[in-house]
Each structure stands twice: as structure tokens, then as C-alpha cells.
């Protein structure tokens, strides 16, 4: 009976993902038709070999984000752990997050596993991943607030769009507050207590109880006694968000549609929000592209530019994901077992 129930749940998830993917791709096709395939093709012909330049800005984003994660270890980072190792592990995890629709859980689990292979304690690795994601979310709220202020400078429609922008900031800020609250009361221990109440507490969970408590203790210690590293982590992630605008500016310059910093910030910030809504779709395919075109419209940019940038950004993500998956393969990880772990996490 349990096997049948699990199979039905898996099939339902697959159907929902396929429906969302179909809607996203249909919207993308509609935007391409509206923009004019000929103009989009002409834009790519104009770029030619310069397309490679689009890859450069996000190298700096990855470096800033890896530094943010490094600070999230606080004092628990094992001495002698090279920065390039953390960059390599994070790159592999982000590749999984971008390819597998596991609500970002799969990639984080992979990071913890790869840290374990290098002798980092599970509690230290898990707490660093949770603290890093919290710092990244905080930095995203700050970046969205900056973008909400910039929005009034790039559109004359004011009112409604500005209000919607601040609503988005409020929603993510509320989610962040809940995240902080959970980490203060001990999220992993709380989950185990709920399992006890629901009588789903088995021998495996009992054996992991000490590990869960250890992770909670490390998180509390990090937030209470190592605020310096948390602030440095959030600052590094904020730098990563700001550096992401370089990609928009680079593409605009190469396509002969130079724009100011304010429109670039607005596009980068709210495309990030669109990706959150597309978390159940593989790679947010279609959802991200729709968000890009809509935000380009808000910034007063023509649809051919919006669609061209959406395709170029997707191409850059594919290249970075392939590099990340190559790292996973180089780690000699059992890919079948990885897939099973990600399915359970999703």
C-alpha cells in the first residue's frame, strides 16, 4: 500500500512539473513569435564570437557566492580547506539545483556529501549550507529593496509596479523571518519531535537524533557568537547579486542596446523572484524566460532584446551546469544513487 501511495505521489509530481513546463514553453514560444524570430536571429548573427563574453560576468558571481559560503562555516571550517575546493563543490551543487527540480534540496545535499568525502563533519557541512542559504536569502531581500527603489526610475507607471515590488520584498522578508525563527528553535530537532507526535519515529531517526541536535547547536552558536562571519557571508552574497547585473549590461552593450544600471538591477532582481516561482520546473524553463521578457518590458526595452537576453542567459546556464555536472562525474559519485537521493529529497 505504501509503495502504491509513493508511486502515485511521484506520478502526480511528474504531471504537475510537465504541465508547468508546458505552460512555460508555450509562453516562451508566444514571446518569440511576438518579438519576431527574424530580429532575434539577426541579434545572434550580430554577436557572432562575442557570445563567449556573456559567460564572463557570472564567473565573478560564482566566486562571490563561494566566498559567501566560506564565511558561513564560521569557525567550523577545517584548517587548510582551499577556497578552490569550496568553489568546486558549490559549482557542482548549483548545477544539480539548476537541472533537477528538487526545490534546491538536491544540490545542498550533494554539497554536504562532497564535504563529507573531504573529512568535514556532517554537522559542520549541513550547518554551513543552511546558514549560507539564510545569508543568501537575506542578501536577496536587500537586493530586491534596492531594485524596488530603482524601479521608480525606469518606469513611468509607478504606483502599481512599485507596490508589487515591495510586496515581493515583504513576502521574501517574511519567509526569511520564519527561517530565522525555525533556526533559533532548532529546525532539525523540531522535525524529529513532530515525527514522534505523528508516530513516524523509527530506529533510523533515533540514531540520527544526536546528529540533528548537533546541527541545531552549531547553527545557534553561529548566529549568536559569530555574527561577524554571518555579516561577511551576507555581504559576499549581496556582492554576487550586484555582480549579476554585469551580465545584463554586457548583453545590452553587445546587442547595441546600452542601458543604465537601474534597469539592469531591476531585471536581475526580479528575474530571481521569477525563478523562485519556477522551482518545480526543471531549470525554471519557460518561467525564467517569461520573467525576463516581462521585466525588460517594464524597463522599457523591446521584446527582441528581452527574448535574445533570455536565450543567452539560458545558454550561459547550460554551460555552467555542464561544468558543474562534469565536476560531479569527476568526483566518481554513483550517479544512480545520486538520482535516488534527489528524488527522495524532492
Protein backbone atom coordinates (compact mmCIF):
# COMPACT_ATOMS: atom_id res chain seq x y z
CA UNK A 1 0.00 0.00 0.00
CA UNK A 2 2.84 2.39 0.91
CA UNK A 3 4.63 1.58 -2.34
CA UNK A 4 1.46 2.33 -4.33
CA UNK A 5 0.95 5.60 -2.44
CA UNK A 6 4.56 6.63 -3.10
CA UNK A 7 4.18 5.79 -6.77
CA UNK A 8 1.00 7.89 -7.05
CA UNK A 9 2.72 10.86 -5.36
CA UNK A 10 5.69 10.58 -7.72
CA UNK A 11 3.37 10.41 -10.75
CA UNK A 12 1.41 13.43 -9.51
CA UNK A 13 4.63 15.44 -9.10
CA UNK A 14 5.72 14.45 -12.60
CA UNK A 15 2.36 15.51 -14.09
CA UNK A 16 2.46 18.88 -12.31
CA UNK A 17 6.01 19.51 -13.48
CA UNK A 18 5.14 18.60 -17.06
CA UNK A 19 2.11 20.91 -17.01
CA UNK A 20 4.15 23.81 -15.62
CA UNK A 21 6.91 23.10 -18.12
CA UNK A 22 4.35 23.08 -20.97
CA UNK A 23 2.87 26.41 -19.86
CA UNK A 24 6.33 27.96 -19.57
CA UNK A 25 7.44 26.77 -23.01
CA UNK A 26 4.15 27.91 -24.55
CA UNK A 27 4.66 31.41 -23.10
CA UNK A 28 8.23 31.47 -24.41
CA UNK A 29 7.06 30.44 -27.89
CA UNK A 30 4.43 33.18 -27.80
CA UNK A 31 7.03 35.81 -26.84
CA UNK A 32 9.36 34.65 -29.62
CA UNK A 33 6.51 34.97 -32.12
CA UNK A 34 5.61 38.42 -30.80
CA UNK A 35 9.21 39.64 -30.89
CA UNK A 36 9.82 38.32 -34.39
CA UNK A 37 12.14 35.32 -34.96
CA UNK A 38 13.95 37.27 -37.69
CA UNK A 39 15.01 40.07 -35.34
CA UNK A 40 16.16 37.56 -32.71
CA UNK A 41 18.21 35.65 -35.29
CA UNK A 42 19.75 38.91 -36.50
CA UNK A 43 20.80 39.72 -32.93
CA UNK A 44 22.70 36.44 -32.64
CA UNK A 45 24.33 36.94 -36.03
CA UNK A 46 25.45 40.34 -34.80
CA UNK A 47 27.04 38.79 -31.69
CA UNK A 48 28.98 36.04 -33.51
CA UNK A 49 32.09 35.10 -31.45
CA UNK A 50 31.29 37.77 -28.85
CA UNK A 51 28.68 35.41 -27.40
CA UNK A 52 31.52 33.91 -25.34
CA UNK A 53 31.85 37.23 -23.48
CA UNK A 54 28.42 36.62 -21.92
CA UNK A 55 29.97 33.84 -19.80
CA UNK A 56 32.48 36.10 -18.05
CA UNK A 57 30.29 38.12 -15.61
CA UNK A 58 28.87 35.05 -13.87
CA UNK A 59 32.35 33.71 -13.12
CA UNK A 60 32.65 36.64 -10.70
CA UNK A 61 29.18 35.87 -9.31
CA UNK A 62 30.23 32.28 -8.58
CA UNK A 63 33.41 33.49 -6.89
CA UNK A 64 31.46 35.92 -4.67
CA UNK A 65 28.87 33.26 -3.77
CA UNK A 66 31.57 30.70 -2.95
CA UNK A 67 33.18 33.28 -0.65
CA UNK A 68 29.77 33.82 0.98
CA UNK A 69 29.53 30.09 1.65
CA UNK A 70 33.08 30.02 3.03
CA UNK A 71 32.15 32.67 5.61
CA UNK A 72 29.01 30.65 6.51
CA UNK A 73 31.24 27.97 8.05
CA UNK A 74 32.28 30.48 10.70
CA UNK A 75 34.92 28.93 12.94
CA UNK A 76 33.99 25.39 11.86
CA UNK A 77 35.80 25.46 8.53
CA UNK A 78 38.56 22.84 8.74
CA UNK A 79 42.03 24.45 8.59
CA UNK A 80 43.71 24.14 5.22
CA UNK A 81 40.48 23.83 3.22
CA UNK A 82 41.31 25.56 -0.10
CA UNK A 83 38.88 28.14 -1.48
CA UNK A 84 39.03 26.37 -4.86
CA UNK A 85 37.64 23.22 -3.20
CA UNK A 86 34.61 25.10 -1.88
CA UNK A 87 34.16 26.75 -5.30
CA UNK A 88 34.29 23.33 -6.97
CA UNK A 89 31.77 21.78 -4.54
CA UNK A 90 29.40 24.73 -4.77
CA UNK A 91 29.59 24.70 -8.57
CA UNK A 92 28.60 21.01 -8.58
CA UNK A 93 25.71 21.65 -6.17
CA UNK A 94 24.37 24.60 -8.13
CA UNK A 95 24.48 22.54 -11.33
CA UNK A 96 22.21 19.95 -9.69
CA UNK A 97 19.91 22.70 -8.35
CA UNK A 98 19.57 24.17 -11.85
CA UNK A 99 18.94 20.85 -13.59
CA UNK A 100 16.91 18.77 -11.11
CA UNK A 101 13.54 20.15 -9.87
CA UNK A 102 14.16 19.36 -6.19
CA UNK A 103 13.39 22.81 -4.69
CA UNK A 104 17.16 23.36 -4.23
CA UNK A 105 17.33 20.45 -1.75
CA UNK A 106 19.23 18.06 -4.01
CA UNK A 107 22.15 20.40 -4.68
CA UNK A 108 22.54 21.24 -0.99
CA UNK A 109 22.58 17.54 -0.08
CA UNK A 110 25.29 17.00 -2.70
CA UNK A 111 27.41 19.78 -1.17
CA UNK A 112 27.21 18.09 2.25
CA UNK A 113 28.15 14.73 0.71
CA UNK A 114 31.18 16.14 -1.13
CA UNK A 115 32.31 17.86 2.07
CA UNK A 116 32.00 14.53 3.90
CA UNK A 117 34.30 12.96 1.32
CA UNK A 118 36.91 15.51 2.34
CA UNK A 119 36.61 14.76 6.04
CA UNK A 120 34.24 17.60 7.02
CA UNK A 121 31.80 16.50 9.73
CA UNK A 122 28.19 16.14 8.59
CA UNK A 123 27.01 18.59 11.26
CA UNK A 124 29.52 21.23 10.14
CA UNK A 125 28.73 20.76 6.45
CA UNK A 126 24.94 20.84 6.93
CA UNK A 127 25.00 23.87 9.23
CA UNK A 128 27.19 25.76 6.73
CA UNK A 129 24.75 25.01 3.92
CA UNK A 130 21.73 26.15 5.97
CA UNK A 131 23.49 29.28 7.28
CA UNK A 132 24.77 30.09 3.78
CA UNK A 133 21.30 29.78 2.26
CA UNK A 134 19.92 32.04 5.02
CA UNK A 135 22.60 34.67 4.37
CA UNK A 136 21.92 34.44 0.64
CA UNK A 137 18.18 34.95 1.20
CA UNK A 138 18.87 37.97 3.41
CA UNK A 139 21.10 39.45 0.71
CA UNK A 140 18.38 38.80 -1.87
CA UNK A 141 15.91 40.80 0.24
CA UNK A 142 18.39 43.70 0.36
CA UNK A 143 18.96 43.44 -3.39
CA UNK A 144 15.20 43.42 -4.03
CA UNK A 145 14.82 46.51 -1.86
CA UNK A 146 17.47 48.25 -3.97
CA UNK A 147 15.65 47.10 -7.12
CA UNK A 148 12.30 48.32 -5.79
CA UNK A 149 13.82 51.78 -5.31
CA UNK A 150 15.36 51.63 -8.80
CA UNK A 151 12.02 50.61 -10.33
CA UNK A 152 10.56 54.10 -9.97
CA UNK A 153 13.45 55.41 -12.11
CA UNK A 154 12.87 53.04 -15.04
CA UNK A 155 9.10 53.17 -15.42
CA UNK A 156 6.56 55.93 -15.52
CA UNK A 157 3.71 53.62 -14.47
CA UNK A 158 4.85 54.00 -10.83
CA UNK A 159 2.17 53.07 -8.30
CA UNK A 160 1.12 49.51 -9.10
CA UNK A 161 4.52 48.19 -10.13
CA UNK A 162 6.26 49.83 -7.18
CA UNK A 163 3.62 48.35 -4.87
CA UNK A 164 4.05 44.90 -6.38
CA UNK A 165 7.81 45.17 -5.98
CA UNK A 166 7.52 45.99 -2.29
CA UNK A 167 5.01 43.16 -1.83
CA UNK A 168 7.62 40.77 -3.27
CA UNK A 169 10.19 42.19 -0.82
CA UNK A 170 7.70 41.73 2.03
CA UNK A 171 6.89 38.12 1.11
CA UNK A 172 10.55 37.09 0.94
CA UNK A 173 11.32 39.06 4.13
CA UNK A 174 8.52 37.18 5.91
CA UNK A 175 9.88 33.86 4.66
CA UNK A 176 13.33 34.91 5.92
CA UNK A 177 11.91 35.79 9.35
CA UNK A 178 10.28 32.34 9.55
CA UNK A 179 13.59 30.78 8.51
CA UNK A 180 15.45 32.61 11.28
CA UNK A 181 12.78 31.64 13.81
CA UNK A 182 12.99 27.97 12.85
CA UNK A 183 16.76 28.01 13.16
CA UNK A 184 16.55 29.61 16.60
CA UNK A 185 14.26 26.90 17.97
CA UNK A 186 16.22 24.13 16.23
CA UNK A 187 14.60 23.06 12.91
CA UNK A 188 16.04 19.55 12.81
CA UNK A 189 15.16 18.72 16.41
CA UNK A 190 11.67 20.18 15.83
CA UNK A 191 11.22 17.92 12.78
CA UNK A 192 12.14 14.88 14.86
CA UNK A 193 9.72 15.89 17.61
CA UNK A 194 6.95 16.16 15.01
CA UNK A 195 7.81 12.68 13.80
CA UNK A 196 7.42 11.46 17.37
CA UNK A 197 4.00 13.09 17.69
CA UNK A 198 2.90 11.61 14.35
CA UNK A 199 4.31 8.22 15.40
CA UNK A 200 6.55 8.09 12.33
CA UNK A 201 9.62 7.88 14.53
CA UNK A 202 11.67 4.83 13.57
CA UNK A 203 15.05 3.39 14.54
CA UNK A 204 16.88 5.29 11.80
CA UNK A 205 15.53 8.62 13.07
CA UNK A 206 16.53 7.69 16.62
CA UNK A 207 20.11 7.07 15.53
CA UNK A 208 20.18 10.45 13.81
CA UNK A 209 18.80 12.33 16.80
CA UNK A 210 22.22 13.31 18.14
CA UNK A 211 23.34 14.45 14.69
CA UNK A 212 20.24 16.64 14.32
CA UNK A 213 20.82 18.23 17.71
CA UNK A 214 24.46 18.81 16.85
CA UNK A 215 23.47 20.67 13.65
CA UNK A 216 20.99 22.82 15.60
CA UNK A 217 23.66 23.64 18.20
CA UNK A 218 26.13 24.72 15.51
CA UNK A 219 23.53 26.97 13.86
CA UNK A 220 22.65 28.65 17.16
CA UNK A 221 26.31 29.14 18.01
CA UNK A 222 26.97 30.64 14.58
CA UNK A 223 24.14 33.20 14.81
CA UNK A 224 24.75 34.14 18.46
CA UNK A 225 28.54 34.14 18.72
CA UNK A 226 29.83 34.58 15.19
CA UNK A 227 27.79 37.43 13.78
CA UNK A 228 30.88 38.83 12.11
CA UNK A 229 31.12 35.85 9.75
CA UNK A 230 27.35 35.91 9.13
CA UNK A 231 27.55 39.58 8.11
CA UNK A 232 30.55 38.84 5.88
CA UNK A 233 28.63 35.95 4.31
CA UNK A 234 25.57 38.09 3.60
CA UNK A 235 27.78 40.88 2.20
CA UNK A 236 29.54 38.46 -0.16
CA UNK A 237 26.22 37.11 -1.41
CA UNK A 238 24.94 40.67 -1.91
CA UNK A 239 28.06 41.37 -3.97
CA UNK A 240 27.15 38.30 -6.02
CA UNK A 241 23.65 39.65 -6.71
CA UNK A 242 25.04 43.04 -7.71
CA UNK A 243 27.68 41.44 -9.96
CA UNK A 244 24.85 39.58 -11.72
CA UNK A 245 23.77 42.90 -13.23
CA UNK A 246 27.03 42.90 -15.23
CA UNK A 247 25.58 40.13 -17.39
CA UNK A 248 22.55 42.27 -18.31
CA UNK A 249 24.79 45.27 -19.01
CA UNK A 250 27.18 43.16 -21.11
CA UNK A 251 24.43 41.67 -23.27
CA UNK A 252 22.79 45.08 -23.71
CA UNK A 253 26.10 46.57 -24.85
CA UNK A 254 26.87 43.71 -27.25
CA UNK A 255 23.38 43.88 -28.78
CA UNK A 256 23.67 47.62 -29.32
CA UNK A 257 21.01 48.45 -26.72
CA UNK A 258 23.03 50.04 -23.92
CA UNK A 259 21.09 50.58 -20.70
CA UNK A 260 21.75 52.18 -17.35
CA UNK A 261 22.49 50.46 -14.06
CA UNK A 262 18.96 50.91 -12.67
CA UNK A 263 17.21 48.84 -15.40
CA UNK A 264 19.88 46.14 -15.09
CA UNK A 265 19.31 45.91 -11.32
CA UNK A 266 15.53 45.69 -11.79
CA UNK A 267 15.82 42.92 -14.39
CA UNK A 268 18.35 40.84 -12.42
CA UNK A 269 16.49 41.17 -9.11
CA UNK A 270 13.01 40.29 -10.28
CA UNK A 271 14.11 37.51 -12.61
CA UNK A 272 15.47 35.94 -9.42
CA UNK A 273 11.95 36.12 -7.97
CA UNK A 274 10.54 34.51 -11.12
CA UNK A 275 12.97 31.60 -10.67
CA UNK A 276 11.62 31.02 -7.16
CA UNK A 277 8.12 30.57 -8.60
CA UNK A 278 9.53 28.17 -11.20
CA UNK A 279 11.23 25.96 -8.61
CA UNK A 280 9.13 22.90 -9.55
CA UNK A 281 10.01 23.20 -13.24
CA UNK A 282 13.32 21.70 -14.43
CA UNK A 283 15.68 24.68 -14.60
CA UNK A 284 12.62 27.01 -14.34
CA UNK A 285 12.45 26.52 -18.12
CA UNK A 286 9.97 28.93 -19.64
CA UNK A 287 9.22 30.60 -16.30
CA UNK A 288 12.58 32.35 -16.19
CA UNK A 289 12.35 33.41 -19.84
CA UNK A 290 8.87 34.82 -19.31
CA UNK A 291 10.08 36.76 -16.28
CA UNK A 292 13.00 38.20 -18.27
CA UNK A 293 10.82 39.40 -21.15
CA UNK A 294 8.25 40.93 -18.79
CA UNK A 295 10.91 42.73 -16.73
CA UNK A 296 12.55 44.01 -19.91
CA UNK A 297 9.18 45.41 -20.93
CA UNK A 298 8.90 47.12 -17.53
CA UNK A 299 12.35 48.62 -18.11
CA UNK A 300 11.18 49.94 -21.48
CA UNK A 301 13.28 47.54 -23.54
CA UNK A 302 11.98 45.95 -26.77
CA UNK A 303 10.83 42.32 -26.85
CA UNK A 304 13.56 41.23 -29.31
CA UNK A 305 16.15 42.28 -26.73
CA UNK A 306 14.26 40.56 -23.90
CA UNK A 307 13.95 37.25 -25.79
CA UNK A 308 17.57 37.41 -27.00
CA UNK A 309 18.82 38.00 -23.47
CA UNK A 310 16.60 35.19 -22.15
CA UNK A 311 18.12 32.75 -24.67
CA UNK A 312 21.68 33.93 -23.99
CA UNK A 313 21.17 33.62 -20.23
CA UNK A 314 19.79 30.12 -20.68
CA UNK A 315 22.82 29.25 -22.81
CA UNK A 316 25.16 30.52 -20.10
CA UNK A 317 23.31 28.44 -17.50
CA UNK A 318 23.65 25.33 -19.67
CA UNK A 319 27.42 25.87 -20.00
CA UNK A 320 27.83 26.40 -16.24
CA UNK A 321 25.61 23.41 -15.48
CA UNK A 322 27.68 21.19 -17.79
CA UNK A 323 30.85 22.30 -15.99
CA UNK A 324 29.20 21.53 -12.65
CA UNK A 325 27.98 18.11 -13.77
CA UNK A 326 31.47 17.35 -15.07
CA UNK A 327 32.74 18.09 -11.55
CA UNK A 328 30.12 15.67 -10.14
CA UNK A 329 31.30 12.99 -12.55
CA UNK A 330 34.95 13.68 -11.72
CA UNK A 331 34.14 13.08 -8.05
CA UNK A 332 33.37 9.47 -9.06
CA UNK A 333 29.99 9.73 -7.44
CA UNK A 334 27.47 6.97 -8.11
CA UNK A 335 25.06 8.90 -10.35
CA UNK A 336 22.24 6.38 -9.90
CA UNK A 337 22.44 6.69 -6.14
CA UNK A 338 22.57 10.48 -6.51
CA UNK A 339 19.37 10.40 -8.53
CA UNK A 340 17.62 8.30 -5.87
CA UNK A 341 18.72 10.72 -3.16
CA UNK A 342 17.43 13.71 -5.10
CA UNK A 343 14.09 12.00 -5.78
CA UNK A 344 13.66 11.34 -2.05
CA UNK A 345 14.62 14.94 -1.25
CA UNK A 346 12.13 16.32 -3.80
